[in-house]
Amino acid sequence: MLNIIYYLNTLIFNFCVAFYLISALQWYSYKIKRIIFHYHKPLWHLYFLFLPYFLFLAFPFYSLFYFLIHIVILYFWNKKIDKKLVFTQKVKIFFMFVFIFNTLFALLSFHISFLFNLFSLPCSLICLKIYDFFGAKYFYSKAKKKILNNKNLTIILITASFGKTSIKNFLYTLLKDDFKVYKTPKSVNTLMGIIRDINENLNETFDIYIAEAGARNQGDIKEITELLEPQICIIGEIGNAHLEYFKNLENTRKTKLEALSSKRLKKAFLHTSTKENENNIISLYDKKISKIETSLEGIKFDLFLNNENHSFKSIILGSFNAQNLCACILCANFLGLNLEKIKTQVLKIKSVKHRLEILSKKPKFIIDDGFNGNFKGMSESYKLCKTYKGRKILITPGIVEVNKEENIKLAKIINECFDLVIISAKINQEIFKETLTISSLFLKEKSELISILTKETKDGDLILFSNDAPSYL
């Protein structure tokens, strides 16, 4: 009977810790280094990792009562967070490893030492890494073969510090009526995400594959480029996004330029922030745009193309989107679309979800810019809102994964453009408390937001949701 109780104790202990650990790993792309050195809620490690291990070591035979309580604590913690664990095949296999090793080490513990149970989680992580390694090799080979076998497929690779998803969706709209086009879904932009997308969704009937490539480390874009070998690249603006990982702007620039290493590259459309020079292959798209006009009704701009200026109009918001459109227009023209057709398609382009998306104009003017998380895009959207005649309210967590100075600059622009700001996450609250001079509210929990908006806003107000931060930040 004692052995059964002990086994249940170790099983509950390991499953509780495993649930928290795999949740954290999933948030941070399964990078152990990131949850050690870049984790935004270190106290959670104390509650859900170190405390359980301490109690298990201190009271190996008597801590079952605590771990039964711990299940309840984990349940309410998981219910409260907004980015819950997704039980993918990988996660299910991890829990299978935890169960197997817990059973094995429990048997050893009966005869030797209870300390063997402490190896259940490390061994499960090692086995998961081995599973990942061989699985990645197999699926990479399968995806590569699929690409090489499709000789008529044109691949367009898009990367940038920000604006990748917008450029991808804009370009798709321009091309979809004249070509059979497939694009990576939502914000899929990692090597393994693209590999899975190719294996599951790409087929020989498509003419064009548009792939978005993201990066956290040098070499990430190179890996994706070696897989896809794109014929066309779009490298958007280089900025301070993810500076926490790249350390400086030069490392970011070098990483994005890895896209130019494709053996099949025919044309590249680059932002001038890449510091590259124009040649037969490279075209600097933002140098060709002029006379940008922006309002809450849309944007107008001129584009120098085929040796003359052409005027374009779009219902999407934000002057930075004029540059994103410019890259897409040049790419569509390179692929053979005539200008009149492109102009017609540009008018059909709608805002990407959560990117300066107008949700309503009456009774309140509500704009969702929740996926815009860089200084340039956020500051430009604030200046756009400043033109609104009524009262202006901002909901934002600020910018994440950047240095303190970026949020200080942002706060100064907020002071100029809004009447009320609601800071929706704890990550930057101290910076904003020091810098904001307008009326400010600081949320303890995101769940408070609806009641605060009901209380603090009225008909005729403009409300901008700017960037978003999950509860683990």
Protein backbone atom coordinates (compact mmCIF):
# COMPACT_ATOMS: atom_id res chain seq x y z
CA MET A 1 0.00 0.00 0.00
CA LEU A 2 2.84 2.38 0.88
CA ASN A 3 4.45 1.66 -2.51
CA ILE A 4 1.24 2.55 -4.35
CA ILE A 5 0.89 5.83 -2.41
CA TYR A 6 4.53 6.63 -3.11
CA TYR A 7 4.10 5.87 -6.82
CA LEU A 8 1.02 8.14 -7.03
CA ASN A 9 2.93 10.86 -5.23
CA THR A 10 5.82 10.74 -7.72
CA LEU A 11 3.44 10.57 -10.68
CA ILE A 12 1.44 13.61 -9.56
CA PHE A 13 4.67 15.48 -8.73
CA ASN A 14 6.23 14.81 -12.14
CA PHE A 15 3.03 15.53 -14.07
CA CYS A 16 2.47 18.83 -12.25
CA VAL A 17 6.01 20.03 -12.94
CA ALA A 18 5.87 18.67 -16.49
CA PHE A 19 2.62 20.55 -17.23
CA TYR A 20 4.11 23.87 -16.17
CA LEU A 21 7.45 23.24 -17.88
CA ILE A 22 6.02 22.18 -21.26
CA SER A 23 3.63 25.17 -21.16
CA ALA A 24 6.59 27.53 -20.69
CA LEU A 25 8.57 25.77 -23.40
CA GLN A 26 5.67 26.04 -25.84
CA TRP A 27 5.41 29.79 -25.22
CA TYR A 28 9.14 30.19 -25.93
CA SER A 29 9.33 27.90 -29.01
CA TYR A 30 10.70 24.95 -26.98
CA LYS A 31 14.00 26.76 -26.34
CA ILE A 32 15.28 25.86 -22.86
CA LYS A 33 17.80 28.70 -23.01
CA ARG A 34 14.98 31.20 -23.47
CA ILE A 35 12.99 30.05 -20.42
CA ILE A 36 16.17 30.28 -18.35
CA PHE A 37 17.58 33.62 -19.52
CA HIS A 38 14.61 35.44 -21.12
CA TYR A 39 11.67 34.35 -18.99
CA HIS A 40 9.35 37.22 -18.01
CA LYS A 41 7.73 35.65 -14.93
CA PRO A 42 10.63 34.21 -12.87
CA LEU A 43 8.43 33.91 -9.78
CA TRP A 44 6.40 31.29 -11.62
CA HIS A 45 9.55 29.15 -11.77
CA LEU A 46 9.73 29.46 -7.99
CA TYR A 47 6.09 28.41 -7.46
CA PHE A 48 5.84 25.65 -10.06
CA LEU A 49 9.40 24.28 -10.31
CA PHE A 50 11.60 24.98 -7.30
CA LEU A 51 8.96 24.70 -4.55
CA PRO A 52 7.63 21.30 -5.77
CA TYR A 53 11.18 19.94 -6.03
CA PHE A 54 12.04 21.23 -2.55
CA LEU A 55 8.95 19.64 -0.99
CA PHE A 56 9.54 16.37 -2.80
CA LEU A 57 13.14 16.23 -1.59
CA ALA A 58 12.26 17.28 1.94
CA PHE A 59 9.21 15.01 2.35
CA PRO A 60 9.39 12.28 -0.31
CA PHE A 61 6.86 10.02 1.41
CA TYR A 62 4.54 12.64 2.90
CA SER A 63 4.09 15.34 0.21
CA LEU A 64 1.15 13.70 -1.60
CA PHE A 65 -1.31 16.02 0.18
CA TYR A 66 0.55 19.08 -1.10
CA PHE A 67 0.63 17.82 -4.69
CA LEU A 68 -3.10 17.17 -4.64
CA ILE A 69 -3.49 20.84 -3.69
CA HIS A 70 -0.92 21.72 -6.35
CA ILE A 71 -3.20 20.24 -9.04
CA VAL A 72 -5.92 22.68 -7.97
CA ILE A 73 -3.44 25.59 -8.03
CA LEU A 74 -2.28 24.61 -11.52
CA TYR A 75 -5.88 24.33 -12.69
CA PHE A 76 -6.74 27.89 -11.66
CA TRP A 77 -3.38 29.19 -12.96
CA ASN A 78 -4.05 27.60 -16.35
CA LYS A 79 -7.61 28.94 -16.38
CA LYS A 80 -6.33 32.45 -15.74
CA ILE A 81 -3.59 32.62 -18.43
CA ASP A 82 -4.67 33.55 -21.95
CA LYS A 83 -2.19 31.37 -23.86
CA LYS A 84 -3.03 27.87 -22.74
CA LEU A 85 -1.09 24.70 -23.47
CA VAL A 86 -1.93 23.21 -26.86
CA PHE A 87 -1.83 19.42 -26.72
CA THR A 88 0.09 18.83 -29.94
CA GLN A 89 1.58 15.47 -30.88
CA LYS A 90 4.88 16.66 -29.42
CA VAL A 91 3.28 17.53 -26.07
CA LYS A 92 1.48 14.18 -25.90
CA ILE A 93 4.75 12.34 -26.56
CA PHE A 94 6.45 14.37 -23.83
CA PHE A 95 3.82 13.30 -21.26
CA MET A 96 4.19 9.71 -22.44
CA PHE A 97 7.94 9.93 -21.73
CA VAL A 98 7.20 11.41 -18.29
CA PHE A 99 4.86 8.50 -17.47
CA ILE A 100 7.35 5.86 -18.67
CA PHE A 101 10.33 7.32 -16.78
CA ASN A 102 8.27 7.96 -13.66
CA THR A 103 7.21 4.30 -13.60
CA LEU A 104 10.76 3.08 -14.26
CA PHE A 105 12.36 5.27 -11.60
CA ALA A 106 9.61 4.54 -9.09
CA LEU A 107 10.47 0.84 -9.37
CA LEU A 108 14.14 1.65 -8.83
CA SER A 109 13.24 3.87 -5.89
CA PHE A 110 11.49 1.02 -4.07
CA HIS A 111 14.78 -0.89 -3.99
CA ILE A 112 17.49 1.79 -4.05
CA SER A 113 16.61 5.48 -3.50
CA PHE A 114 13.66 7.85 -3.98
CA LEU A 115 16.07 10.34 -5.58
CA PHE A 116 15.83 8.40 -8.85
CA ASN A 117 12.43 10.02 -9.43
CA LEU A 118 14.14 13.39 -9.83
CA PHE A 119 15.54 12.13 -13.15
CA SER A 120 12.11 11.57 -14.71
CA LEU A 121 11.75 15.08 -16.10
CA PRO A 122 15.35 15.58 -17.35
CA CYS A 123 15.24 12.17 -19.07
CA SER A 124 11.89 13.03 -20.67
CA LEU A 125 13.32 16.30 -22.01
CA ILE A 126 16.36 14.49 -23.43
CA CYS A 127 14.15 11.92 -25.14
CA LEU A 128 11.93 14.69 -26.50
CA LYS A 129 15.04 16.38 -27.93
CA ILE A 130 16.11 13.11 -29.59
CA TYR A 131 12.59 12.61 -30.94
CA ASP A 132 12.65 16.20 -32.28
CA PHE A 133 16.06 15.70 -33.91
CA PHE A 134 15.16 12.58 -35.88
CA GLY A 135 11.63 13.81 -36.60
CA ALA A 136 12.99 17.13 -37.92
CA LYS A 137 15.47 15.29 -40.17
CA TYR A 138 12.72 13.13 -41.66
CA PHE A 139 10.19 15.93 -42.20
CA TYR A 140 12.88 18.31 -43.53
CA SER A 141 13.91 15.73 -46.13
CA LYS A 142 10.28 15.16 -47.09
CA ALA A 143 9.59 18.91 -47.51
CA LYS A 144 12.81 19.50 -49.46
CA LYS A 145 11.98 16.67 -51.86
CA LYS A 146 8.50 18.11 -52.39
CA ILE A 147 9.95 21.52 -53.33
CA LEU A 148 12.62 20.13 -55.67
CA ASN A 149 10.07 17.94 -57.45
CA ASN A 150 7.85 20.95 -58.21
CA LYS A 151 9.97 22.57 -60.95
CA ASN A 152 7.30 25.15 -61.88
CA LEU A 153 6.79 26.50 -58.35
CA THR A 154 7.92 30.09 -57.71
CA ILE A 155 8.79 30.66 -54.05
CA ILE A 156 8.68 34.14 -52.53
CA LEU A 157 10.38 34.52 -49.13
CA ILE A 158 9.40 37.49 -46.95
CA THR A 159 11.33 38.58 -43.87
CA ALA A 160 11.64 41.81 -41.87
CA SER A 161 11.81 43.07 -38.31
CA PHE A 162 8.13 43.95 -38.60
CA GLY A 163 5.40 43.93 -41.25
CA LYS A 164 6.11 40.41 -42.58
CA THR A 165 2.57 39.12 -42.19
CA SER A 166 1.06 42.26 -43.71
CA ILE A 167 3.33 42.11 -46.76
CA LYS A 168 2.51 38.40 -47.19
CA ASN A 169 -1.24 39.00 -47.08
CA PHE A 170 -1.12 42.09 -49.31
CA LEU A 171 0.94 40.24 -51.92
CA TYR A 172 -1.42 37.27 -51.82
CA THR A 173 -4.38 39.54 -52.60
CA LEU A 174 -2.52 41.11 -55.54
CA LEU A 175 -1.62 37.74 -57.08
CA LYS A 176 -4.48 35.38 -56.26
CA ASP A 177 -6.68 36.21 -59.27
CA ASP A 178 -3.93 35.61 -61.84
CA PHE A 179 -2.01 32.74 -60.23
CA LYS A 180 -2.78 29.79 -58.02
CA VAL A 181 -1.12 31.06 -54.86
CA TYR A 182 -0.58 29.50 -51.45
CA LYS A 183 0.79 31.36 -48.41
CA THR A 184 1.94 30.20 -45.01
CA PRO A 185 -1.07 30.40 -42.65
CA LYS A 186 -1.47 33.08 -39.98
CA SER A 187 1.95 33.89 -38.47
CA VAL A 188 3.69 30.58 -39.24
CA ASN A 189 7.29 31.68 -39.83
CA THR A 190 9.70 29.20 -38.17
CA LEU A 191 11.66 26.47 -39.92
CA MET A 192 9.62 23.63 -38.43
CA GLY A 193 6.36 25.51 -38.97
CA ILE A 194 7.18 26.00 -42.66
CA ILE A 195 8.29 22.36 -43.01
CA ARG A 196 5.00 21.16 -41.56
CA ASP A 197 3.06 23.56 -43.78
CA ILE A 198 4.81 22.29 -46.93
CA ASN A 199 4.28 18.64 -46.04
CA GLU A 200 0.62 19.05 -45.11
CA ASN A 201 -0.68 21.77 -47.43
CA LEU A 202 1.53 22.54 -50.42
CA ASN A 203 0.84 20.57 -53.61
CA GLU A 204 1.93 20.54 -57.26
CA THR A 205 -1.10 22.55 -58.44
CA PHE A 206 0.21 25.83 -56.97
CA ASP A 207 2.13 28.35 -59.09
CA ILE A 208 3.44 30.48 -56.22
CA TYR A 209 4.29 29.77 -52.58
CA ILE A 210 4.64 32.84 -50.32
CA ALA A 211 6.52 32.04 -47.13
CA GLU A 212 7.05 34.31 -44.13
CA ALA A 213 10.36 33.85 -42.29
CA GLY A 214 10.95 34.94 -38.70
CA ALA A 215 14.07 34.77 -36.55
CA ARG A 216 15.26 34.93 -32.96
CA ASN A 217 18.89 34.02 -33.62
CA GLN A 218 21.50 34.43 -36.33
CA GLY A 219 21.24 31.55 -38.77
CA ASP A 220 17.46 31.16 -38.48
CA ILE A 221 16.74 32.83 -41.84
CA LYS A 222 19.62 30.95 -43.49
CA GLU A 223 18.08 27.61 -42.46
CA ILE A 224 14.73 28.57 -44.01
CA THR A 225 16.45 29.91 -47.14
CA GLU A 226 18.42 26.66 -47.58
CA LEU A 227 15.18 24.71 -47.37
CA LEU A 228 13.13 26.86 -49.77
CA GLU A 229 15.79 28.27 -52.13
CA PRO A 230 13.39 31.10 -53.12
CA GLN A 231 13.53 32.78 -56.51
CA ILE A 232 12.19 36.07 -55.06
CA CYS A 233 12.93 37.70 -51.69
CA ILE A 234 11.33 40.65 -49.96
CA ILE A 235 13.31 41.99 -47.01
CA GLY A 236 11.32 44.64 -45.20
CA GLU A 237 12.38 47.27 -42.72
CA ILE A 238 15.09 46.39 -40.20
CA GLY A 239 14.43 47.71 -36.69
CA ASN A 240 14.74 47.02 -32.99
CA ALA A 241 12.20 44.19 -32.78
CA HIS A 242 13.51 41.22 -30.74
CA LEU A 243 16.55 43.26 -29.66
CA GLU A 244 16.55 41.14 -26.50
CA TYR A 245 17.79 38.24 -28.63
CA PHE A 246 19.84 39.93 -31.37
CA LYS A 247 21.58 42.35 -28.96
CA ASN A 248 22.13 45.02 -31.65
CA LEU A 249 20.71 46.24 -34.95
CA GLU A 250 23.68 45.00 -36.98
CA ASN A 251 23.07 41.39 -35.89
CA THR A 252 19.42 41.79 -36.89
CA ARG A 253 20.40 43.17 -40.30
CA LYS A 254 22.87 40.37 -41.01
CA THR A 255 20.29 37.76 -40.04
CA LYS A 256 17.60 39.17 -42.36
CA LEU A 257 20.10 39.40 -45.24
CA GLU A 258 20.67 35.65 -44.98
CA ALA A 259 17.63 35.45 -47.29
CA LEU A 260 19.84 36.63 -50.17
CA SER A 261 21.93 33.43 -49.98
CA SER A 262 19.37 31.49 -52.06
CA LYS A 263 21.02 29.62 -54.96
CA ARG A 264 17.98 30.29 -57.17
CA LEU A 265 17.55 34.01 -56.38
CA LYS A 266 16.33 36.03 -59.37
CA LYS A 267 14.98 39.21 -57.76
CA ALA A 268 15.03 40.84 -54.33
CA PHE A 269 13.01 43.82 -53.09
CA LEU A 270 14.73 45.39 -50.09
CA HIS A 271 14.09 48.25 -47.67
CA THR A 272 16.87 50.83 -47.50
CA SER A 273 17.46 49.93 -43.82
CA THR A 274 19.17 46.77 -45.11
CA LYS A 275 22.03 49.10 -46.27
CA GLU A 276 22.36 47.16 -49.52
CA ASN A 277 22.94 48.81 -52.91
CA GLU A 278 20.73 48.43 -55.95
CA ASN A 279 21.87 46.20 -58.80
CA ASN A 280 20.33 43.92 -61.43
CA ILE A 281 18.83 41.70 -58.72
CA ILE A 282 18.28 44.07 -55.78
CA SER A 283 15.68 46.84 -55.90
CA LEU A 284 15.26 49.24 -52.95
CA TYR A 285 11.50 49.62 -52.86
CA ASP A 286 11.02 52.46 -50.36
CA LYS A 287 13.20 54.79 -52.49
CA LYS A 288 10.55 54.63 -55.20
CA ILE A 289 7.63 55.90 -53.11
CA SER A 290 6.60 59.55 -52.64
CA LYS A 291 3.69 61.86 -51.75
CA ILE A 292 2.27 59.60 -49.02
CA GLU A 293 -1.04 60.89 -47.66
CA THR A 294 -2.67 59.13 -44.73
CA SER A 295 -5.93 59.55 -42.82
CA LEU A 296 -8.49 57.46 -40.97
CA GLU A 297 -10.06 56.79 -44.39
CA GLY A 298 -6.96 55.17 -45.96
CA ILE A 299 -3.73 56.01 -47.77
CA LYS A 300 -2.62 57.53 -51.09
CA PHE A 301 0.88 57.49 -52.55
CA ASP A 302 2.91 57.74 -55.75
CA LEU A 303 5.23 54.99 -56.93
CA PHE A 304 8.01 55.34 -59.50
CA LEU A 305 7.65 52.32 -61.74
CA ASN A 306 8.61 51.64 -65.37
CA ASN A 307 10.30 55.06 -65.57
CA GLU A 308 7.28 57.12 -64.47
CA ASN A 309 5.21 57.93 -61.39
CA HIS A 310 1.91 56.14 -60.80
CA SER A 311 -0.72 56.98 -58.17
CA PHE A 312 -2.22 54.34 -55.88
CA LYS A 313 -5.04 54.39 -53.30
CA SER A 314 -5.90 51.91 -50.54
CA ILE A 315 -8.46 51.67 -47.76
CA ILE A 316 -5.91 50.27 -45.29
CA LEU A 317 -4.48 52.58 -42.63
CA GLY A 318 -0.98 53.76 -41.78
CA SER A 319 1.78 55.40 -43.83
CA PHE A 320 4.09 52.42 -43.09
CA ASN A 321 1.62 50.27 -45.02
CA ALA A 322 2.28 52.40 -48.10
CA GLN A 323 5.83 51.05 -48.02
CA ASN A 324 4.60 47.48 -47.47
CA LEU A 325 2.27 47.88 -50.45
CA CYS A 326 5.11 49.29 -52.52
CA ALA A 327 7.16 46.09 -52.11
CA CYS A 328 4.14 44.01 -53.12
CA ILE A 329 3.34 46.15 -56.16
CA LEU A 330 6.92 45.91 -57.45
CA CYS A 331 6.90 42.14 -56.91
CA ALA A 332 3.55 41.73 -58.69
CA ASN A 333 4.79 43.84 -61.59
CA PHE A 334 7.95 41.71 -61.81
CA LEU A 335 5.73 38.61 -62.06
CA GLY A 336 3.94 40.12 -65.05
CA LEU A 337 0.79 41.83 -63.72
CA ASN A 338 -0.12 45.04 -65.58
CA LEU A 339 -0.43 48.26 -63.63
CA GLU A 340 -4.16 48.76 -64.11
CA LYS A 341 -4.84 45.31 -62.70
CA ILE A 342 -2.52 46.00 -59.76
CA LYS A 343 -4.27 49.30 -58.98
CA THR A 344 -7.64 47.52 -58.97
CA GLN A 345 -6.30 44.80 -56.66
CA VAL A 346 -4.72 47.35 -54.28
CA LEU A 347 -8.19 48.83 -53.71
CA LYS A 348 -9.44 45.36 -52.71
CA ILE A 349 -6.78 44.84 -50.05
CA LYS A 350 -8.21 44.84 -46.53
CA SER A 351 -6.44 45.30 -43.24
CA VAL A 352 -4.84 42.18 -41.85
CA LYS A 353 -6.66 41.03 -38.72
CA HIS A 354 -5.42 42.85 -35.59
CA ARG A 355 -3.29 45.25 -37.69
CA LEU A 356 -4.95 48.69 -37.80
CA GLU A 357 -8.25 46.91 -38.38
CA ILE A 358 -11.28 49.15 -37.95
CA LEU A 359 -13.80 47.18 -35.89
CA SER A 360 -16.45 49.89 -35.75
CA LYS A 361 -16.92 53.61 -36.39
CA LYS A 362 -20.10 54.12 -34.37
CA PRO A 363 -21.05 54.52 -31.58
CA LYS A 364 -17.33 54.27 -30.75
CA PHE A 365 -14.47 54.37 -33.26
CA ILE A 366 -12.60 51.17 -32.38
CA ILE A 367 -9.31 50.18 -34.04
CA ASP A 368 -7.61 46.84 -33.38
CA ASP A 369 -3.83 47.08 -33.83
CA GLY A 370 -3.08 44.26 -31.42
CA PHE A 371 -0.46 42.55 -33.60
CA ASN A 372 1.57 45.71 -34.20
CA GLY A 373 4.45 45.51 -31.74
CA ASN A 374 7.23 47.78 -33.04
CA PHE A 375 8.03 51.41 -32.28
CA LYS A 376 7.65 52.76 -35.82
CA GLY A 377 4.29 51.12 -36.50
CA MET A 378 2.88 51.93 -33.07
CA SER A 379 4.05 55.56 -33.06
CA GLU A 380 2.67 56.16 -36.57
CA SER A 381 -0.69 54.70 -35.59
CA TYR A 382 -0.75 57.07 -32.58
CA LYS A 383 -0.10 60.09 -34.80
CA LEU A 384 -2.88 58.89 -37.10
CA CYS A 385 -5.29 58.71 -34.15
CA LYS A 386 -4.25 62.23 -33.13
CA THR A 387 -6.16 63.55 -36.18
CA TYR A 388 -9.45 62.27 -34.72
CA LYS A 389 -11.65 65.11 -33.51
CA GLY A 390 -13.07 63.39 -30.42
CA ARG A 391 -11.63 61.91 -27.22
CA LYS A 392 -8.87 59.33 -27.75
CA ILE A 393 -8.17 56.29 -25.54
CA LEU A 394 -5.22 53.91 -25.91
CA ILE A 395 -4.92 50.34 -24.57
CA THR A 396 -1.38 48.97 -24.77
CA PRO A 397 1.29 46.97 -22.89
CA GLY A 398 3.99 49.01 -24.63
CA ILE A 399 6.70 47.29 -26.67
CA VAL A 400 8.18 43.97 -25.54
CA GLU A 401 11.65 42.52 -26.22
CA VAL A 402 13.25 45.96 -26.64
CA ASN A 403 15.34 48.22 -24.44
CA LYS A 404 13.88 50.71 -21.96
CA GLU A 405 14.57 53.71 -24.20
CA GLU A 406 12.11 52.49 -26.87
CA ASN A 407 9.23 52.55 -24.39
CA ILE A 408 10.27 55.93 -23.02
CA LYS A 409 10.13 57.37 -26.57
CA LEU A 410 6.76 55.69 -27.08
CA ALA A 411 5.38 57.16 -23.83
CA LYS A 412 6.31 60.69 -24.96
CA ILE A 413 4.32 60.21 -28.18
CA ILE A 414 1.38 58.78 -26.19
CA ASN A 415 1.38 61.98 -24.10
CA GLU A 416 0.96 64.04 -27.28
CA CYS A 417 -1.74 61.93 -28.96
CA PHE A 418 -4.19 60.57 -26.35
CA ASP A 419 -6.45 61.71 -23.54
CA LEU A 420 -6.36 58.44 -21.58
CA VAL A 421 -4.03 55.43 -21.69
CA ILE A 422 -4.68 52.01 -20.15
CA ILE A 423 -1.51 49.94 -19.64
CA SER A 424 -2.63 46.34 -20.05
CA ALA A 425 0.40 44.33 -18.85
CA LYS A 426 2.88 44.53 -15.99
CA ILE A 427 6.01 44.17 -18.11
CA ASN A 428 6.48 47.92 -18.81
CA GLN A 429 4.34 49.50 -16.10
CA GLU A 430 7.20 51.04 -14.12
CA ILE A 431 8.57 52.77 -17.22
CA PHE A 432 5.15 54.22 -18.06
CA LYS A 433 4.46 55.33 -14.50
CA GLU A 434 7.64 57.40 -14.66
CA THR A 435 7.08 58.85 -18.15
CA LEU A 436 3.35 59.31 -18.81
CA THR A 437 1.83 62.71 -18.01
CA ILE A 438 -1.75 62.12 -19.24
CA SER A 439 -4.51 60.26 -17.38
CA SER A 440 -3.33 56.66 -16.96
CA LEU A 441 -4.76 53.40 -15.64
CA PHE A 442 -2.62 50.33 -14.90
CA LEU A 443 -4.26 46.91 -15.02
CA LYS A 444 -3.39 44.27 -12.47
CA GLU A 445 -5.11 41.65 -14.60
CA LYS A 446 -6.24 41.76 -18.24
CA SER A 447 -9.67 40.51 -17.12
CA GLU A 448 -10.30 44.00 -15.66
CA LEU A 449 -10.23 45.63 -19.09
CA ILE A 450 -13.88 45.19 -20.12
CA SER A 451 -15.28 46.71 -16.93
CA ILE A 452 -12.79 49.61 -17.10
CA LEU A 453 -13.68 50.38 -20.74
CA THR A 454 -17.39 50.31 -19.86
CA LYS A 455 -16.76 52.79 -17.06
CA GLU A 456 -14.18 55.07 -18.69
CA THR A 457 -15.38 55.39 -22.32
CA LYS A 458 -18.44 56.90 -23.99
CA ASP A 459 -20.01 57.18 -27.45
CA GLY A 460 -17.89 59.19 -29.87
CA ASP A 461 -14.57 58.10 -28.34
CA LEU A 462 -11.78 56.61 -30.43
CA ILE A 463 -10.34 53.47 -28.81
CA LEU A 464 -7.07 52.01 -30.11
CA PHE A 465 -5.92 48.54 -29.04
CA SER A 466 -2.17 48.78 -29.66
CA ASN A 467 0.00 45.65 -29.38
CA ASP A 468 -0.85 42.85 -26.99
CA ALA A 469 1.10 40.86 -24.45
CA PRO A 470 0.15 37.37 -23.25
CA SER A 471 -0.29 36.91 -19.52
CA TYR A 472 3.11 35.19 -19.16
CA LEU A 473 4.68 38.58 -19.96
